[in-house]
PDB file of N, CA and C in Angstrom:
ATOM      1  N   MET A   1       1.660   0.599  -5.304  1.00  0.00           N
ATOM      2  CA  MET A   1       0.252   0.813  -5.563  1.00  0.00           C
ATOM      3  C   MET A   1      -0.124   0.027  -6.807  1.00  0.00           C
ATOM      4  N   PHE A   2      -1.041  -0.888  -6.644  1.00  0.00           N
ATOM      5  CA  PHE A   2      -1.588  -1.594  -7.799  1.00  0.00           C
ATOM      6  C   PHE A   2      -2.800  -0.785  -8.254  1.00  0.00           C
ATOM      7  N   GLU A   3      -2.772  -0.357  -9.520  1.00  0.00           N
ATOM      8  CA  GLU A   3      -3.801   0.527 -10.039  1.00  0.00           C
ATOM      9  C   GLU A   3      -4.314   0.014 -11.368  1.00  0.00           C
ATOM     10  N   GLN A   4      -5.357   0.688 -11.858  1.00  0.00           N
ATOM     11  CA  GLN A   4      -5.953   0.307 -13.129  1.00  0.00           C
ATOM     12  C   GLN A   4      -6.390   1.571 -13.855  1.00  0.00           C
ATOM     13  N   ALA A   5      -6.158   1.607 -15.148  1.00  0.00           N
ATOM     14  CA  ALA A   5      -6.590   2.756 -15.952  1.00  0.00           C
ATOM     15  C   ALA A   5      -8.101   2.924 -15.837  1.00  0.00           C
ATOM     16  N   GLY A   6      -8.536   4.154 -15.687  1.00  0.00           N
ATOM     17  CA  GLY A   6      -9.961   4.430 -15.590  1.00  0.00           C
ATOM     18  C   GLY A   6     -10.548   4.231 -14.203  1.00  0.00           C
ATOM     19  N   CYS A   7      -9.743   3.891 -13.233  1.00  0.00           N
ATOM     20  CA  CYS A   7     -10.209   3.655 -11.864  1.00  0.00           C
ATOM     21  C   CYS A   7     -10.482   5.007 -11.194  1.00  0.00           C
ATOM     22  N   ALA A   8     -11.730   5.253 -10.834  1.00  0.00           N
ATOM     23  CA  ALA A   8     -12.105   6.531 -10.223  1.00  0.00           C
ATOM     24  C   ALA A   8     -11.416   6.743  -8.881  1.00  0.00           C
ATOM     25  N   TRP A   9     -11.250   5.676  -8.091  1.00  0.00           N
ATOM     26  CA  TRP A   9     -10.608   5.816  -6.776  1.00  0.00           C
ATOM     27  C   TRP A   9      -9.116   6.060  -6.931  1.00  0.00           C
ATOM     28  N   CYS A  10      -8.512   5.490  -7.969  1.00  0.00           N
ATOM     29  CA  CYS A  10      -7.094   5.766  -8.247  1.00  0.00           C
ATOM     30  C   CYS A  10      -6.924   7.242  -8.613  1.00  0.00           C
ATOM     31  N   GLU A  11      -7.848   7.754  -9.402  1.00  0.00           N
ATOM     32  CA  GLU A  11      -7.800   9.157  -9.801  1.00  0.00           C
ATOM     33  C   GLU A  11      -7.999  10.085  -8.603  1.00  0.00           C
ATOM     34  N   THR A  12      -8.880   9.695  -7.686  1.00  0.00           N
ATOM     35  CA  THR A  12      -9.089  10.487  -6.476  1.00  0.00           C
ATOM     36  C   THR A  12      -7.820  10.495  -5.634  1.00  0.00           C
ATOM     37  N   PHE A  13      -7.184   9.333  -5.492  1.00  0.00           N
ATOM     38  CA  PHE A  13      -5.902   9.266  -4.781  1.00  0.00           C
ATOM     39  C   PHE A  13      -4.886  10.184  -5.454  1.00  0.00           C
ATOM     40  N   ASP A  14      -4.844  10.153  -6.773  1.00  0.00           N
ATOM     41  CA  ASP A  14      -3.891  10.992  -7.512  1.00  0.00           C
ATOM     42  C   ASP A  14      -4.114  12.482  -7.247  1.00  0.00           C
ATOM     43  N   ARG A  15      -5.351  12.882  -7.076  1.00  0.00           N
ATOM     44  CA  ARG A  15      -5.655  14.287  -6.786  1.00  0.00           C
ATOM     45  C   ARG A  15      -5.351  14.653  -5.335  1.00  0.00           C
ATOM     46  N   GLU A  16      -5.756  13.785  -4.408  1.00  0.00           N
ATOM     47  CA  GLU A  16      -5.701  14.132  -2.991  1.00  0.00           C
ATOM     48  C   GLU A  16      -4.368  13.826  -2.317  1.00  0.00           C
ATOM     49  N   ILE A  17      -3.709  12.758  -2.690  1.00  0.00           N
ATOM     50  CA  ILE A  17      -2.529  12.287  -1.947  1.00  0.00           C
ATOM     51  C   ILE A  17      -1.253  12.316  -2.778  1.00  0.00           C
ATOM     52  N   ALA A  18      -1.315  11.855  -4.017  1.00  0.00           N
ATOM     53  CA  ALA A  18      -0.096  11.675  -4.820  1.00  0.00           C
ATOM     54  C   ALA A  18       0.806  12.905  -4.875  1.00  0.00           C
ATOM     55  N   PRO A  19       0.278  14.125  -5.010  1.00  0.00           N
ATOM     56  CA  PRO A  19       1.188  15.277  -5.096  1.00  0.00           C
ATOM     57  C   PRO A  19       2.000  15.525  -3.821  1.00  0.00           C
ATOM     58  N   ILE A  20       1.443  15.191  -2.669  1.00  0.00           N
ATOM     59  CA  ILE A  20       2.159  15.461  -1.411  1.00  0.00           C
ATOM     60  C   ILE A  20       2.877  14.244  -0.852  1.00  0.00           C
ATOM     61  N   TYR A  21       2.494  13.060  -1.302  1.00  0.00           N
ATOM     62  CA  TYR A  21       3.039  11.838  -0.719  1.00  0.00           C
ATOM     63  C   TYR A  21       4.575  11.800  -0.682  1.00  0.00           C
ATOM     64  N   PRO A  22       5.281  12.107  -1.761  1.00  0.00           N
ATOM     65  CA  PRO A  22       6.748  12.012  -1.713  1.00  0.00           C
ATOM     66  C   PRO A  22       7.394  13.008  -0.751  1.00  0.00           C
ATOM     67  N   LYS A  23       6.651  14.037  -0.350  1.00  0.00           N
ATOM     68  CA  LYS A  23       7.186  15.049   0.560  1.00  0.00           C
ATOM     69  C   LYS A  23       7.000  14.674   2.030  1.00  0.00           C
ATOM     70  N   THR A  24       6.274  13.589   2.292  1.00  0.00           N
ATOM     71  CA  THR A  24       5.986  13.179   3.667  1.00  0.00           C
ATOM     72  C   THR A  24       7.027  12.184   4.161  1.00  0.00           C
ATOM     73  N   GLU A  25       7.073  12.016   5.469  1.00  0.00           N
ATOM     74  CA  GLU A  25       7.964  11.009   6.067  1.00  0.00           C
ATOM     75  C   GLU A  25       7.614   9.621   5.537  1.00  0.00           C
ATOM     76  N   GLU A  26       6.325   9.317   5.444  1.00  0.00           N
ATOM     77  CA  GLU A  26       5.895   8.015   4.922  1.00  0.00           C
ATOM     78  C   GLU A  26       6.364   7.831   3.489  1.00  0.00           C
ATOM     79  N   GLY A  27       6.248   8.878   2.690  1.00  0.00           N
ATOM     80  CA  GLY A  27       6.667   8.811   1.295  1.00  0.00           C
ATOM     81  C   GLY A  27       8.158   8.613   1.136  1.00  0.00           C
ATOM     82  N   ARG A  28       8.927   9.179   2.044  1.00  0.00           N
ATOM     83  CA  ARG A  28      10.379   8.976   1.993  1.00  0.00           C
ATOM     84  C   ARG A  28      10.748   7.563   2.447  1.00  0.00           C
ATOM     85  N   ARG A  29      10.035   7.046   3.426  1.00  0.00           N
ATOM     86  CA  ARG A  29      10.326   5.700   3.927  1.00  0.00           C
ATOM     87  C   ARG A  29       9.782   4.608   3.020  1.00  0.00           C
ATOM     88  N   ALA A  30       8.666   4.874   2.380  1.00  0.00           N
ATOM     89  CA  ALA A  30       8.005   3.880   1.528  1.00  0.00           C
ATOM     90  C   ALA A  30       7.602   4.553   0.216  1.00  0.00           C
ATOM     91  N   PRO A  31       8.566   4.756  -0.684  1.00  0.00           N
ATOM     92  CA  PRO A  31       8.243   5.418  -1.953  1.00  0.00           C
ATOM     93  C   PRO A  31       7.148   4.673  -2.720  1.00  0.00           C
ATOM     94  N   LEU A  32       6.308   5.440  -3.373  1.00  0.00           N
ATOM     95  CA  LEU A  32       5.198   4.866  -4.120  1.00  0.00           C
ATOM     96  C   LEU A  32       5.691   4.330  -5.456  1.00  0.00           C
ATOM     97  N   ARG A  33       5.377   3.097  -5.707  1.00  0.00           N
ATOM     98  CA  ARG A  33       5.671   2.462  -6.997  1.00  0.00           C
ATOM     99  C   ARG A  33       4.335   2.057  -7.587  1.00  0.00           C
ATOM    100  N   ARG A  34       4.105   2.399  -8.814  1.00  0.00           N
ATOM    101  CA  ARG A  34       2.829   2.107  -9.458  1.00  0.00           C
ATOM    102  C   ARG A  34       2.957   0.880 -10.375  1.00  0.00           C
ATOM    103  N   VAL A  35       1.998  -0.026 -10.226  1.00  0.00           N
ATOM    104  CA  VAL A  35       1.965  -1.238 -11.040  1.00  0.00           C
ATOM    105  C   VAL A  35       0.529  -1.408 -11.540  1.00  0.00           C
ATOM    106  N   SER A  36       0.367  -1.547 -12.838  1.00  0.00           N
ATOM    107  CA  SER A  36      -0.956  -1.744 -13.411  1.00  0.00           C
ATOM    108  C   SER A  36      -1.396  -3.193 -13.223  1.00  0.00           C
ATOM    109  N   ILE A  37      -2.631  -3.377 -12.755  1.00  0.00           N
ATOM    110  CA  ILE A  37      -3.136  -4.746 -12.609  1.00  0.00           C
ATOM    111  C   ILE A  37      -3.520  -5.344 -13.957  1.00  0.00           C
ATOM    112  N   ASP A  38      -3.465  -4.526 -14.999  1.00  0.00           N
ATOM    113  CA  ASP A  38      -3.771  -5.011 -16.343  1.00  0.00           C
ATOM    114  C   ASP A  38      -2.562  -5.597 -17.057  1.00  0.00           C
ATOM    115  N   ASN A  39      -1.386  -5.452 -16.465  1.00  0.00           N
ATOM    116  CA  ASN A  39      -0.144  -5.960 -17.056  1.00  0.00           C
ATOM    117  C   ASN A  39       0.420  -7.083 -16.200  1.00  0.00           C
ATOM    118  N   PRO A  40       1.334  -7.875 -16.763  1.00  0.00           N
ATOM    119  CA  PRO A  40       1.978  -8.902 -15.943  1.00  0.00           C
ATOM    120  C   PRO A  40       2.703  -8.262 -14.752  1.00  0.00           C
ATOM    121  N   VAL A  41       2.733  -8.981 -13.654  1.00  0.00           N
ATOM    122  CA  VAL A  41       3.412  -8.494 -12.447  1.00  0.00           C
ATOM    123  C   VAL A  41       4.919  -8.518 -12.692  1.00  0.00           C
ATOM    124  N   PRO A  42       5.612  -7.439 -12.344  1.00  0.00           N
ATOM    125  CA  PRO A  42       7.078  -7.449 -12.495  1.00  0.00           C
ATOM    126  C   PRO A  42       7.695  -8.605 -11.705  1.00  0.00           C
ATOM    127  N   PRO A  43       8.768  -9.202 -12.216  1.00  0.00           N
ATOM    128  CA  PRO A  43       9.372 -10.366 -11.560  1.00  0.00           C
ATOM    129  C   PRO A  43       9.736 -10.140 -10.091  1.00  0.00           C
ATOM    130  N   ASP A  44      10.163  -8.931  -9.741  1.00  0.00           N
ATOM    131  CA  ASP A  44      10.557  -8.699  -8.349  1.00  0.00           C
ATOM    132  C   ASP A  44       9.364  -8.611  -7.399  1.00  0.00           C
ATOM    133  N   LEU A  45       8.149  -8.599  -7.946  1.00  0.00           N
ATOM    134  CA  LEU A  45       6.944  -8.584  -7.116  1.00  0.00           C
ATOM    135  C   LEU A  45       6.119  -9.865  -7.276  1.00  0.00           C
ATOM    136  N   ALA A  46       6.729 -10.898  -7.821  1.00  0.00           N
ATOM    137  CA  ALA A  46       6.011 -12.147  -8.100  1.00  0.00           C
ATOM    138  C   ALA A  46       5.406 -12.766  -6.843  1.00  0.00           C
ATOM    139  N   PHE A  47       5.958 -12.486  -5.689  1.00  0.00           N
ATOM    140  CA  PHE A  47       5.465 -13.055  -4.430  1.00  0.00           C
ATOM    141  C   PHE A  47       4.204 -12.348  -3.913  1.00  0.00           C
ATOM    142  N   VAL A  48       3.852 -11.205  -4.491  1.00  0.00           N
ATOM    143  CA  VAL A  48       2.697 -10.437  -4.042  1.00  0.00           C
ATOM    144  C   VAL A  48       1.431 -10.998  -4.687  1.00  0.00           C
ATOM    145  N   GLU A  49       0.434 -11.261  -3.863  1.00  0.00           N
ATOM    146  CA  GLU A  49      -0.857 -11.710  -4.383  1.00  0.00           C
ATOM    147  C   GLU A  49      -1.589 -10.490  -4.929  1.00  0.00           C
ATOM    148  N   VAL A  50      -1.799 -10.493  -6.239  1.00  0.00           N
ATOM    149  CA  VAL A  50      -2.447  -9.359  -6.892  1.00  0.00           C
ATOM    150  C   VAL A  50      -3.948  -9.590  -6.895  1.00  0.00           C
ATOM    151  N   GLU A  51      -4.670  -8.539  -6.542  1.00  0.00           N
ATOM    152  CA  GLU A  51      -6.123  -8.600  -6.521  1.00  0.00           C
ATOM    153  C   GLU A  51      -6.652  -7.902  -7.764  1.00  0.00           C
ATOM    154  N   ARG A  52      -7.885  -8.158  -8.092  1.00  0.00           N
ATOM    155  CA  ARG A  52      -8.480  -7.542  -9.276  1.00  0.00           C
ATOM    156  C   ARG A  52      -9.256  -6.281  -8.907  1.00  0.00           C
ATOM    157  N   ILE A  53      -8.937  -5.685  -7.775  1.00  0.00           N
ATOM    158  CA  ILE A  53      -9.524  -4.408  -7.409  1.00  0.00           C
ATOM    159  C   ILE A  53      -8.421  -3.364  -7.426  1.00  0.00           C
ATOM    160  N   ALA A  54      -8.818  -2.129  -7.526  1.00  0.00           N
ATOM    161  CA  ALA A  54      -7.817  -1.060  -7.531  1.00  0.00           C
ATOM    162  C   ALA A  54      -8.422   0.153  -6.829  1.00  0.00           C
ATOM    163  N   PRO A  55      -7.594   0.906  -6.181  1.00  0.00           N
ATOM    164  CA  PRO A  55      -6.175   0.658  -5.926  1.00  0.00           C
ATOM    165  C   PRO A  55      -5.985  -0.274  -4.736  1.00  0.00           C
ATOM    166  N   VAL A  56      -4.826  -0.887  -4.703  1.00  0.00           N
ATOM    167  CA  VAL A  56      -4.372  -1.659  -3.546  1.00  0.00           C
ATOM    168  C   VAL A  56      -2.956  -1.178  -3.262  1.00  0.00           C
ATOM    169  N   PHE A  57      -2.733  -0.768  -2.028  1.00  0.00           N
ATOM    170  CA  PHE A  57      -1.426  -0.280  -1.604  1.00  0.00           C
ATOM    171  C   PHE A  57      -0.765  -1.389  -0.801  1.00  0.00           C
ATOM    172  N   VAL A  58       0.395  -1.854  -1.265  1.00  0.00           N
ATOM    173  CA  VAL A  58       1.091  -2.969  -0.613  1.00  0.00           C
ATOM    174  C   VAL A  58       2.430  -2.448  -0.102  1.00  0.00           C
ATOM    175  N   LEU A  59       2.656  -2.611   1.202  1.00  0.00           N
ATOM    176  CA  LEU A  59       3.922  -2.201   1.802  1.00  0.00           C
ATOM    177  C   LEU A  59       4.829  -3.424   1.868  1.00  0.00           C
ATOM    178  N   ILE A  60       6.017  -3.302   1.278  1.00  0.00           N
ATOM    179  CA  ILE A  60       6.964  -4.409   1.179  1.00  0.00           C
ATOM    180  C   ILE A  60       8.285  -3.989   1.799  1.00  0.00           C
ATOM    181  N   HIS A  61       8.902  -4.933   2.509  1.00  0.00           N
ATOM    182  CA  HIS A  61      10.230  -4.708   3.085  1.00  0.00           C
ATOM    183  C   HIS A  61      11.040  -5.990   2.937  1.00  0.00           C
ATOM    184  N   SER A  62      12.189  -5.890   2.309  1.00  0.00           N
ATOM    185  CA  SER A  62      13.102  -7.033   2.147  1.00  0.00           C
ATOM    186  C   SER A  62      12.409  -8.264   1.589  1.00  0.00           C
ATOM    187  N   GLY A  63      11.605  -8.060   0.552  1.00  0.00           N
ATOM    188  CA  GLY A  63      10.950  -9.189  -0.102  1.00  0.00           C
ATOM    189  C   GLY A  63       9.807  -9.796   0.678  1.00  0.00           C
ATOM    190  N   GLN A  64       9.307  -9.101   1.688  1.00  0.00           N
ATOM    191  CA  GLN A  64       8.200  -9.602   2.504  1.00  0.00           C
ATOM    192  C   GLN A  64       7.086  -8.560   2.501  1.00  0.00           C
ATOM    193  N   GLU A  65       5.874  -9.022   2.280  1.00  0.00           N
ATOM    194  CA  GLU A  65       4.736  -8.117   2.375  1.00  0.00           C
ATOM    195  C   GLU A  65       4.453  -7.829   3.846  1.00  0.00           C
ATOM    196  N   ILE A  66       4.459  -6.562   4.199  1.00  0.00           N
ATOM    197  CA  ILE A  66       4.167  -6.142   5.564  1.00  0.00           C
ATOM    198  C   ILE A  66       2.673  -5.974   5.754  1.00  0.00           C
ATOM    199  N   GLY A  67       2.004  -5.466   4.724  1.00  0.00           N
ATOM    200  CA  GLY A  67       0.566  -5.275   4.803  1.00  0.00           C
ATOM    201  C   GLY A  67       0.052  -4.545   3.587  1.00  0.00           C
ATOM    202  N   ARG A  68      -1.263  -4.365   3.537  1.00  0.00           N
ATOM    203  CA  ARG A  68      -1.878  -3.712   2.389  1.00  0.00           C
ATOM    204  C   ARG A  68      -3.111  -2.950   2.812  1.00  0.00           C
ATOM    205  N   ILE A  69      -3.437  -1.965   2.008  1.00  0.00           N
ATOM    206  CA  ILE A  69      -4.668  -1.205   2.148  1.00  0.00           C
ATOM    207  C   ILE A  69      -5.455  -1.441   0.865  1.00  0.00           C
ATOM    208  N   ARG A  70      -6.646  -2.002   1.012  1.00  0.00           N
ATOM    209  CA  ARG A  70      -7.492  -2.267  -0.149  1.00  0.00           C
ATOM    210  C   ARG A  70      -8.389  -1.066  -0.399  1.00  0.00           C
ATOM    211  N   GLY A  71      -8.295  -0.536  -1.596  1.00  0.00           N
ATOM    212  CA  GLY A  71      -9.121   0.602  -1.963  1.00  0.00           C
ATOM    213  C   GLY A  71      -8.520   1.901  -1.441  1.00  0.00           C
ATOM    214  N   TYR A  72      -9.149   2.984  -1.792  1.00  0.00           N
ATOM    215  CA  TYR A  72      -8.744   4.287  -1.287  1.00  0.00           C
ATOM    216  C   TYR A  72      -9.882   4.817  -0.425  1.00  0.00           C
ATOM    217  N   PRO A  73      -9.678   4.843   0.898  1.00  0.00           N
ATOM    218  CA  PRO A  73     -10.759   5.183   1.823  1.00  0.00           C
ATOM    219  C   PRO A  73     -10.947   6.675   2.076  1.00  0.00           C
ATOM    220  N   GLY A  74     -10.297   7.506   1.303  1.00  0.00           N
ATOM    221  CA  GLY A  74     -10.340   8.943   1.549  1.00  0.00           C
ATOM    222  C   GLY A  74      -9.084   9.373   2.291  1.00  0.00           C
ATOM    223  N   GLU A  75      -8.802  10.656   2.217  1.00  0.00           N
ATOM    224  CA  GLU A  75      -7.540  11.182   2.727  1.00  0.00           C
ATOM    225  C   GLU A  75      -7.307  10.884   4.210  1.00  0.00           C
ATOM    226  N   ASP A  76      -8.266  11.184   5.060  1.00  0.00           N
ATOM    227  CA  ASP A  76      -8.071  10.986   6.500  1.00  0.00           C
ATOM    228  C   ASP A  76      -7.833   9.526   6.858  1.00  0.00           C
ATOM    229  N   HIS A  77      -8.669   8.650   6.318  1.00  0.00           N
ATOM    230  CA  HIS A  77      -8.512   7.224   6.617  1.00  0.00           C
ATOM    231  C   HIS A  77      -7.221   6.663   6.024  1.00  0.00           C
ATOM    232  N   PHE A  78      -6.859   7.124   4.836  1.00  0.00           N
ATOM    233  CA  PHE A  78      -5.640   6.628   4.206  1.00  0.00           C
ATOM    234  C   PHE A  78      -4.429   6.863   5.108  1.00  0.00           C
ATOM    235  N   TRP A  79      -4.273   8.090   5.603  1.00  0.00           N
ATOM    236  CA  TRP A  79      -3.105   8.391   6.441  1.00  0.00           C
ATOM    237  C   TRP A  79      -3.114   7.566   7.726  1.00  0.00           C
ATOM    238  N   GLY A  80      -4.280   7.348   8.310  1.00  0.00           N
ATOM    239  CA  GLY A  80      -4.368   6.526   9.518  1.00  0.00           C
ATOM    240  C   GLY A  80      -3.988   5.078   9.250  1.00  0.00           C
ATOM    241  N   LEU A  81      -4.497   4.522   8.160  1.00  0.00           N
ATOM    242  CA  LEU A  81      -4.167   3.134   7.813  1.00  0.00           C
ATOM    243  C   LEU A  81      -2.693   3.002   7.437  1.00  0.00           C
ATOM    244  N   LEU A  82      -2.176   3.990   6.722  1.00  0.00           N
ATOM    245  CA  LEU A  82      -0.760   3.952   6.374  1.00  0.00           C
ATOM    246  C   LEU A  82       0.104   4.046   7.627  1.00  0.00           C
ATOM    247  N   GLY A  83      -0.308   4.862   8.581  1.00  0.00           N
ATOM    248  CA  GLY A  83       0.421   4.954   9.846  1.00  0.00           C
ATOM    249  C   GLY A  83       0.478   3.613  10.563  1.00  0.00           C
ATOM    250  N   ALA A  84      -0.620   2.870  10.537  1.00  0.00           N
ATOM    251  CA  ALA A  84      -0.638   1.541  11.152  1.00  0.00           C
ATOM    252  C   ALA A  84       0.321   0.593  10.425  1.00  0.00           C
ATOM    253  N   LEU A  85       0.369   0.685   9.093  1.00  0.00           N
ATOM    254  CA  LEU A  85       1.317  -0.145   8.336  1.00  0.00           C
ATOM    255  C   LEU A  85       2.759   0.222   8.671  1.00  0.00           C
ATOM    256  N   MET A  86       3.025   1.512   8.839  1.00  0.00           N
ATOM    257  CA  MET A  86       4.386   1.942   9.159  1.00  0.00           C
ATOM    258  C   MET A  86       4.809   1.416  10.535  1.00  0.00           C
ATOM    259  N   LYS A  87       3.876   1.318  11.468  1.00  0.00           N
ATOM    260  CA  LYS A  87       4.186   0.733  12.786  1.00  0.00           C
ATOM    261  C   LYS A  87       4.540  -0.745  12.635  1.00  0.00           C
ATOM    262  N   LYS A  88       3.821  -1.451  11.766  1.00  0.00           N
ATOM    263  CA  LYS A  88       4.160  -2.860  11.504  1.00  0.00           C
ATOM    264  C   LYS A  88       5.548  -2.967  10.884  1.00  0.00           C
ATOM    265  N   LEU A  89       5.856  -2.046   9.967  1.00  0.00           N
ATOM    266  CA  LEU A  89       7.180  -2.029   9.354  1.00  0.00           C
ATOM    267  C   LEU A  89       8.255  -1.800  10.402  1.00  0.00           C
ATOM    268  N   ASP A  90       8.026  -0.859  11.299  1.00  0.00           N
ATOM    269  CA  ASP A  90       8.987  -0.597  12.368  1.00  0.00           C
ATOM    270  C   ASP A  90       9.194  -1.834  13.236  1.00  0.00           C
ATOM    271  N   ALA A  91       8.123  -2.553  13.536  1.00  0.00           N
ATOM    272  CA  ALA A  91       8.229  -3.759  14.354  1.00  0.00           C
ATOM    273  C   ALA A  91       9.062  -4.827  13.652  1.00  0.00           C
ATOM    274  N   VAL A  92       8.842  -5.005  12.365  1.00  0.00           N
ATOM    275  CA  VAL A  92       9.604  -5.995  11.604  1.00  0.00           C
ATOM    276  C   VAL A  92      11.082  -5.602  11.543  1.00  0.00           C
ATOM    277  N   ARG A  93      11.336  -4.320  11.314  1.00  0.00           N
ATOM    278  CA  ARG A  93      12.718  -3.840  11.218  1.00  0.00           C
ATOM    279  C   ARG A  93      13.481  -3.977  12.531  1.00  0.00           C
ATOM    280  N   THR A  94      12.777  -3.929  13.644  1.00  0.00           N
ATOM    281  CA  THR A  94      13.446  -4.020  14.940  1.00  0.00           C
ATOM    282  C   THR A  94      13.403  -5.432  15.508  1.00  0.00           C
ATOM    283  N   GLY A  95      13.131  -6.396  14.637  1.00  0.00           N
ATOM    284  CA  GLY A  95      13.170  -7.793  15.069  1.00  0.00           C
ATOM    285  C   GLY A  95      11.874  -8.299  15.644  1.00  0.00           C
ATOM    286  N   GLY A  96      10.783  -7.585  15.394  1.00  0.00           N
ATOM    287  CA  GLY A  96       9.483  -8.038  15.862  1.00  0.00           C
ATOM    288  C   GLY A  96       9.035  -9.274  15.103  1.00  0.00           C
ATOM    289  N   GLU A  97       7.914  -9.770  15.503  1.00  0.00           N
ATOM    290  CA  GLU A  97       7.362 -10.967  14.874  1.00  0.00           C
ATOM    291  C   GLU A  97       7.002 -10.690  13.413  1.00  0.00           C
ATOM    292  N   PRO A  98       7.180 -11.697  12.554  1.00  0.00           N
ATOM    293  CA  PRO A  98       6.715 -11.542  11.172  1.00  0.00           C
ATOM    294  C   PRO A  98       5.214 -11.278  11.162  1.00  0.00           C
ATOM    295  N   VAL A  99       4.761 -10.662  10.127  1.00  0.00           N
ATOM    296  CA  VAL A  99       3.356 -10.309  10.008  1.00  0.00           C
ATOM    297  C   VAL A  99       2.578 -11.531   9.530  1.00  0.00           C
ATOM    298  N   SER A 100       1.521 -11.879  10.268  1.00  0.00           N
ATOM    299  CA  SER A 100       0.702 -13.018   9.860  1.00  0.00           C
ATOM    300  C   SER A 100      -0.212 -12.602   8.718  1.00  0.00           C
ATOM    301  N   PRO A 101      -0.655 -13.559   7.896  1.00  0.00           N
ATOM    302  CA  PRO A 101      -1.544 -13.206   6.783  1.00  0.00           C
ATOM    303  C   PRO A 101      -2.797 -12.464   7.243  1.00  0.00           C
ATOM    304  N   ALA A 102      -3.348 -12.820   8.391  1.00  0.00           N
ATOM    305  CA  ALA A 102      -4.564 -12.160   8.874  1.00  0.00           C
ATOM    306  C   ALA A 102      -4.317 -10.706   9.233  1.00  0.00           C
ATOM    307  N   GLU A 103      -3.097 -10.351   9.578  1.00  0.00           N
ATOM    308  CA  GLU A 103      -2.775  -8.977   9.969  1.00  0.00           C
ATOM    309  C   GLU A 103      -2.368  -8.099   8.792  1.00  0.00           C
ATOM    310  N   LYS A 104      -2.229  -8.652   7.625  1.00  0.00           N
ATOM    311  CA  LYS A 104      -1.695  -7.890   6.493  1.00  0.00           C
ATOM    312  C   LYS A 104      -2.657  -6.871   5.923  1.00  0.00           C
ATOM    313  N   THR A 105      -3.928  -7.166   5.919  1.00  0.00           N
ATOM    314  CA  THR A 105      -4.880  -6.284   5.261  1.00  0.00           C
ATOM    315  C   THR A 105      -5.510  -5.332   6.253  1.00  0.00           C
ATOM    316  N   LEU A 106      -5.420  -4.056   5.939  1.00  0.00           N
ATOM    317  CA  LEU A 106      -6.080  -3.032   6.738  1.00  0.00           C
ATOM    318  C   LEU A 106      -7.242  -2.497   5.938  1.00  0.00           C
ATOM    319  N   LEU A 107      -8.391  -2.487   6.556  1.00  0.00           N
ATOM    320  CA  LEU A 107      -9.590  -1.988   5.902  1.00  0.00           C
ATOM    321  C   LEU A 107     -10.104  -0.768   6.646  1.00  0.00           C
ATOM    322  N   PRO A 108     -10.696   0.142   5.940  1.00  0.00           N
ATOM    323  CA  PRO A 108     -11.265   1.308   6.613  1.00  0.00           C
ATOM    324  C   PRO A 108     -12.333   0.900   7.608  1.00  0.00           C
ATOM    325  N   VAL A 109     -12.424   1.622   8.689  1.00  0.00           N
ATOM    326  CA  VAL A 109     -13.479   1.380   9.677  1.00  0.00           C
ATOM    327  C   VAL A 109     -14.733   2.047   9.174  1.00  0.00           C
ATOM    328  N   ALA A 110     -15.818   1.283   9.133  1.00  0.00           N
ATOM    329  CA  ALA A 110     -17.091   1.818   8.609  1.00  0.00           C
ATOM    330  C   ALA A 110     -17.769   2.693   9.626  1.00  0.00           C
TER     331      ALA A 110
END
């Protein structure tokens, strides 16, 4: 999770999702790591394109970005978008096609 101090949507995520996330199957498969967009990117994430919005949730497997969720769309949408990312992760793990750049970003349906 790329976050920023004072970000209202990051704080909403922290209230609604963060306390339960590690207890979920998704949380066990994709542990949440927090990275501030105000600091230099850690060397092991140098390949990730950092955006100047927060939060951005980036799912990574074996040094490859599987996909991302831009912003926090609310609890219901978040779980649905995360579920779609987990399906992409499963496809990559089972020898599916690499994820194209156009498929990486999941946005909430308006």
